[in-house]
Amino acid sequence: MNTILMITSQLRTRFRRLPSRKGFGLNEVIGIAAGIIIAVVVVIPGLQGFAGNILNNLTNWWNNMAANVFATP
């Protein structure tokens, strides 16, 4: 019986030394929010310019192709 009490007391002291997990979820939420804010501020305006350039180039390409394919003599 004495050895069981000694083992349980040793386990209790080991588990007390483990770090607390309080606030772990909050840190994840803050990290995700920061990532979204950075994406909105930095990435999305760059993608808008990139998409605008692609659309302009495709419009020019289509106009040239349409002029060549559907050319009227």
C-alpha atoms as a PDB file:
ATOM      1  CA  MET A   1       0.000   0.000   0.000  1.00  0.00           C
ATOM      2  CA  ASN A   2       2.877   2.284   0.801  1.00  0.00           C
ATOM      3  CA  THR A   3       4.384   1.860  -2.670  1.00  0.00           C
ATOM      4  CA  ILE A   4       1.072   2.776  -4.337  1.00  0.00           C
ATOM      5  CA  LEU A   5       0.923   6.012  -2.357  1.00  0.00           C
ATOM      6  CA  MET A   6       4.515   6.773  -3.280  1.00  0.00           C
ATOM      7  CA  ILE A   7       3.849   6.156  -6.994  1.00  0.00           C
ATOM      8  CA  THR A   8       0.722   8.321  -6.992  1.00  0.00           C
ATOM      9  CA  SER A   9       2.555  11.138  -5.240  1.00  0.00           C
ATOM     10  CA  GLN A  10       5.362  10.928  -7.801  1.00  0.00           C
ATOM     11  CA  LEU A  11       2.848  11.054 -10.652  1.00  0.00           C
ATOM     12  CA  ARG A  12       1.141  14.072  -9.111  1.00  0.00           C
ATOM     13  CA  THR A  13       4.399  15.977  -8.863  1.00  0.00           C
ATOM     14  CA  ARG A  14       5.262  15.134 -12.470  1.00  0.00           C
ATOM     15  CA  PHE A  15       1.887  16.303 -13.751  1.00  0.00           C
ATOM     16  CA  ARG A  16       2.194  19.534 -11.771  1.00  0.00           C
ATOM     17  CA  ARG A  17       5.373  20.313 -13.687  1.00  0.00           C
ATOM     18  CA  LEU A  18       3.607  20.121 -17.057  1.00  0.00           C
ATOM     19  CA  PRO A  19       2.925  23.537 -18.542  1.00  0.00           C
ATOM     20  CA  SER A  20      -0.586  24.834 -18.424  1.00  0.00           C
ATOM     21  CA  ARG A  21      -2.484  24.898 -21.713  1.00  0.00           C
ATOM     22  CA  LYS A  22      -4.602  27.905 -20.774  1.00  0.00           C
ATOM     23  CA  GLY A  23      -4.858  30.437 -23.564  1.00  0.00           C
ATOM     24  CA  PHE A  24      -3.712  28.020 -26.258  1.00  0.00           C
ATOM     25  CA  GLY A  25      -6.899  28.450 -28.301  1.00  0.00           C
ATOM     26  CA  LEU A  26      -6.782  32.215 -27.912  1.00  0.00           C
ATOM     27  CA  ASN A  27      -3.258  32.335 -29.327  1.00  0.00           C
ATOM     28  CA  GLU A  28      -4.388  30.361 -32.359  1.00  0.00           C
ATOM     29  CA  VAL A  29      -7.328  32.704 -32.943  1.00  0.00           C
ATOM     30  CA  ILE A  30      -5.067  35.742 -32.682  1.00  0.00           C
ATOM     31  CA  GLY A  31      -2.594  34.175 -35.138  1.00  0.00           C
ATOM     32  CA  ILE A  32      -5.323  33.381 -37.655  1.00  0.00           C
ATOM     33  CA  ALA A  33      -6.749  36.892 -37.363  1.00  0.00           C
ATOM     34  CA  ALA A  34      -3.294  38.407 -37.907  1.00  0.00           C
ATOM     35  CA  GLY A  35      -2.795  36.236 -40.998  1.00  0.00           C
ATOM     36  CA  ILE A  36      -6.124  37.317 -42.452  1.00  0.00           C
ATOM     37  CA  ILE A  37      -5.375  40.987 -41.802  1.00  0.00           C
ATOM     38  CA  ILE A  38      -1.971  40.691 -43.487  1.00  0.00           C
ATOM     39  CA  ALA A  39      -3.573  38.948 -46.459  1.00  0.00           C
ATOM     40  CA  VAL A  40      -6.172  41.689 -46.799  1.00  0.00           C
ATOM     41  CA  VAL A  41      -3.635  44.497 -46.562  1.00  0.00           C
ATOM     42  CA  VAL A  42      -0.789  43.040 -48.646  1.00  0.00           C
ATOM     43  CA  VAL A  43      -1.857  40.191 -50.896  1.00  0.00           C
ATOM     44  CA  ILE A  44      -5.319  41.138 -52.135  1.00  0.00           C
ATOM     45  CA  PRO A  45      -4.400  44.541 -53.647  1.00  0.00           C
ATOM     46  CA  GLY A  46      -1.534  42.870 -55.499  1.00  0.00           C
ATOM     47  CA  LEU A  47      -3.873  40.200 -56.827  1.00  0.00           C
ATOM     48  CA  GLN A  48      -6.316  42.848 -58.026  1.00  0.00           C
ATOM     49  CA  GLY A  49      -3.607  44.501 -60.105  1.00  0.00           C
ATOM     50  CA  PHE A  50      -2.466  41.133 -61.427  1.00  0.00           C
ATOM     51  CA  ALA A  51      -6.020  40.153 -62.387  1.00  0.00           C
ATOM     52  CA  GLY A  52      -6.531  43.537 -64.078  1.00  0.00           C
ATOM     53  CA  ASN A  53      -3.406  43.028 -66.177  1.00  0.00           C
ATOM     54  CA  ILE A  54      -4.530  39.550 -67.201  1.00  0.00           C
ATOM     55  CA  LEU A  55      -7.966  40.810 -68.225  1.00  0.00           C
ATOM     56  CA  ASN A  56      -6.471  43.659 -70.254  1.00  0.00           C
ATOM     57  CA  ASN A  57      -4.065  41.301 -72.024  1.00  0.00           C
ATOM     58  CA  LEU A  58      -6.837  38.800 -72.754  1.00  0.00           C
ATOM     59  CA  THR A  59      -9.046  41.581 -74.124  1.00  0.00           C
ATOM     60  CA  ASN A  60      -6.259  42.763 -76.418  1.00  0.00           C
ATOM     61  CA  TRP A  61      -5.540  39.185 -77.517  1.00  0.00           C
ATOM     62  CA  TRP A  62      -9.214  38.514 -78.259  1.00  0.00           C
ATOM     63  CA  ASN A  63      -9.572  41.741 -80.242  1.00  0.00           C
ATOM     64  CA  ASN A  64      -6.511  40.839 -82.338  1.00  0.00           C
ATOM     65  CA  MET A  65      -7.702  37.262 -82.895  1.00  0.00           C
ATOM     66  CA  ALA A  66     -11.215  38.392 -83.768  1.00  0.00           C
ATOM     67  CA  ALA A  67      -9.824  40.926 -86.229  1.00  0.00           C
ATOM     68  CA  ASN A  68      -7.705  38.214 -87.901  1.00  0.00           C
ATOM     69  CA  VAL A  69     -10.289  35.433 -87.911  1.00  0.00           C
ATOM     70  CA  PHE A  70     -13.338  37.493 -88.783  1.00  0.00           C
ATOM     71  CA  ALA A  71     -11.578  39.912 -91.107  1.00  0.00           C
ATOM     72  CA  THR A  72     -13.772  41.459 -93.759  1.00  0.00           C
ATOM     73  CA  PRO A  73     -12.183  42.004 -97.147  1.00  0.00           C
END
